[in-house]
């Protein structure tokens, strides 16, 4: 995985983790907006991982 993709992935996961931990601090159901942010981050994380896999496959084929 390229350094830039890896750094982006780490930032996204960190942000998602921070949101989840913040929600865990509160009693009751988390706000819908917070849940949407976590879900959106999960989608972006999956997309970045897919691009990283594509790049790794491309490098293996050309290497």
C-alpha atoms as a PDB file:
ATOM      1  CA  UNK A   1       0.000   0.000   0.000  1.00  0.00           C
ATOM      2  CA  UNK A   2       1.348   3.411  -0.842  1.00  0.00           C
ATOM      3  CA  UNK A   3       2.401   5.664   1.993  1.00  0.00           C
ATOM      4  CA  UNK A   4      -0.277   8.211   1.077  1.00  0.00           C
ATOM      5  CA  UNK A   5      -3.077   5.631   1.035  1.00  0.00           C
ATOM      6  CA  UNK A   6      -1.842   4.148   4.289  1.00  0.00           C
ATOM      7  CA  UNK A   7      -1.745   7.579   5.939  1.00  0.00           C
ATOM      8  CA  UNK A   8      -5.260   8.358   4.706  1.00  0.00           C
ATOM      9  CA  UNK A   9      -6.535   5.016   5.951  1.00  0.00           C
ATOM     10  CA  UNK A  10      -4.982   5.600   9.366  1.00  0.00           C
ATOM     11  CA  UNK A  11      -6.560   9.066   9.621  1.00  0.00           C
ATOM     12  CA  UNK A  12      -9.993   7.759   8.646  1.00  0.00           C
ATOM     13  CA  UNK A  13      -9.834   4.860  11.095  1.00  0.00           C
ATOM     14  CA  UNK A  14      -8.648   7.155  13.861  1.00  0.00           C
ATOM     15  CA  UNK A  15     -11.489   9.590  13.241  1.00  0.00           C
ATOM     16  CA  UNK A  16     -14.016   6.750  13.204  1.00  0.00           C
ATOM     17  CA  UNK A  17     -12.591   5.265  16.400  1.00  0.00           C
ATOM     18  CA  UNK A  18     -12.729   8.670  18.116  1.00  0.00           C
ATOM     19  CA  UNK A  19     -16.396   9.075  17.172  1.00  0.00           C
ATOM     20  CA  UNK A  20     -17.276   5.601  18.419  1.00  0.00           C
ATOM     21  CA  UNK A  21     -15.456   6.119  21.704  1.00  0.00           C
ATOM     22  CA  UNK A  22     -17.162   9.496  22.177  1.00  0.00           C
ATOM     23  CA  UNK A  23     -20.557   7.881  21.607  1.00  0.00           C
ATOM     24  CA  UNK A  24     -19.715   5.178  24.127  1.00  0.00           C
ATOM     25  CA  UNK A  25     -19.193   7.836  26.808  1.00  0.00           C
ATOM     26  CA  UNK A  26     -22.863   8.858  26.685  1.00  0.00           C
ATOM     27  CA  UNK A  27     -25.796   6.918  28.045  1.00  0.00           C
ATOM     28  CA  UNK A  28     -28.629   6.232  25.677  1.00  0.00           C
ATOM     29  CA  UNK A  29     -28.752   6.101  21.928  1.00  0.00           C
ATOM     30  CA  UNK A  30     -26.203   8.048  19.928  1.00  0.00           C
ATOM     31  CA  UNK A  31     -27.424  10.894  17.757  1.00  0.00           C
ATOM     32  CA  UNK A  32     -28.357   9.940  14.234  1.00  0.00           C
ATOM     33  CA  UNK A  33     -25.802  12.354  12.835  1.00  0.00           C
ATOM     34  CA  UNK A  34     -22.998  10.623  14.753  1.00  0.00           C
ATOM     35  CA  UNK A  35     -24.173   7.229  13.542  1.00  0.00           C
ATOM     36  CA  UNK A  36     -24.257   8.508   9.966  1.00  0.00           C
ATOM     37  CA  UNK A  37     -20.718   9.861  10.308  1.00  0.00           C
ATOM     38  CA  UNK A  38     -19.476   6.470  11.512  1.00  0.00           C
ATOM     39  CA  UNK A  39     -21.260   4.717   8.641  1.00  0.00           C
ATOM     40  CA  UNK A  40     -19.924   7.193   6.082  1.00  0.00           C
ATOM     41  CA  UNK A  41     -16.403   6.733   7.402  1.00  0.00           C
ATOM     42  CA  UNK A  42     -16.834   2.953   7.161  1.00  0.00           C
ATOM     43  CA  UNK A  43     -17.787   3.331   3.490  1.00  0.00           C
ATOM     44  CA  UNK A  44     -14.788   5.550   2.781  1.00  0.00           C
ATOM     45  CA  UNK A  45     -12.467   3.162   4.646  1.00  0.00           C
ATOM     46  CA  UNK A  46     -13.759   0.279   2.518  1.00  0.00           C
ATOM     47  CA  UNK A  47     -13.243   2.335  -0.651  1.00  0.00           C
ATOM     48  CA  UNK A  48      -9.667   3.254   0.291  1.00  0.00           C
ATOM     49  CA  UNK A  49      -8.911  -0.397   1.100  1.00  0.00           C
ATOM     50  CA  UNK A  50     -10.351  -1.430  -2.281  1.00  0.00           C
ATOM     51  CA  UNK A  51      -8.162   1.099  -4.097  1.00  0.00           C
ATOM     52  CA  UNK A  52      -5.137  -0.081  -2.119  1.00  0.00           C
ATOM     53  CA  UNK A  53      -5.877  -3.682  -3.126  1.00  0.00           C
ATOM     54  CA  UNK A  54      -6.228  -2.654  -6.772  1.00  0.00           C
ATOM     55  CA  UNK A  55      -2.917  -0.826  -6.637  1.00  0.00           C
ATOM     56  CA  UNK A  56      -1.207  -3.813  -4.992  1.00  0.00           C
ATOM     57  CA  UNK A  57      -2.582  -6.148  -7.678  1.00  0.00           C
ATOM     58  CA  UNK A  58      -1.454  -3.757 -10.414  1.00  0.00           C
ATOM     59  CA  UNK A  59       2.048  -3.638  -8.931  1.00  0.00           C
ATOM     60  CA  UNK A  60       2.233  -7.454  -8.687  1.00  0.00           C
ATOM     61  CA  UNK A  61       1.177  -7.863 -12.315  1.00  0.00           C
ATOM     62  CA  UNK A  62       3.657  -5.308 -13.600  1.00  0.00           C
ATOM     63  CA  UNK A  63       6.478  -6.342 -11.242  1.00  0.00           C
END
